[in-house]
Amino acid sequence: MTLTPELLARVDALLANGPRRLLGIVGAPGAGKSTVAADVVAAVGSTAVAVPMDGFHLAQTELERIGRADRKGAPDTFDADGFVALLTRLRDPARTVYAPEYRRDLRNPVAGAIAVPPAVRLVVVEGNYLLLDDHGFGPVADLLDETWFLAPDDGLRLDRLVARHEAFGKSPEAARAWSHGPDERNARLVAATAGRADVIVRPA
């Protein structure tokens, strides 16, 4: 999406209030979080970096070991404590902090993939559960300076989600089943946190 003047003004206001700010982009699976985060980074330039919560997915082998692989993406399939620790470190720009990223082609996170050097003034954190109170995510909201909740049309969101699953190897039937099953259960959980956001964004 193209950032509106109102959203750009919010970014400018954030940057005017400290050496480093953390902006949270929240939404259900398929809401467009990565796209909006990338748009914010592009608008700010080299002093902004996007850090996805998805880097804290538990490894596929661990999910299989503990019997949660069939609902990957649920809150208890993430290392929430590790995510909180990273955000705490990101608030102190004294040294370079390295964040993990999730590789869909590998179905696993990759450690140390995203560098956040001291010169970065805006860290754009995107993920499903930034405003969730339980499963270890409770401290996250207070570590963010502002949160935007993405609320696109649900039909469009689901279409994009199915297409994404297909692009990474699921059959059309499996992609639809996952999108309307585990992903949709998680989407309802995420939707319940919208009231805690600073602003609701309705991307096309």
Foldseek 3Di string as FASTA:
>chain_A
DADDPVRVVVVVVQLVPDQAAEEEEAAAQLLCQVVVQVNVCVVVDPLEEEAEQQLFFDFCVVCVVVVNNLQGPALLRGPLVVVVVQLVVVVDQPAKDFHWDQDLLRRHIDTRPDINHSSRHYYYYYDHCQQPCDSNNNCNVVSHPFYEYRDEDPVNSLVSQLVVVVVNPDDSVVSNCSSVPSSVVSRVSSVVRNVVGPYYHYDD
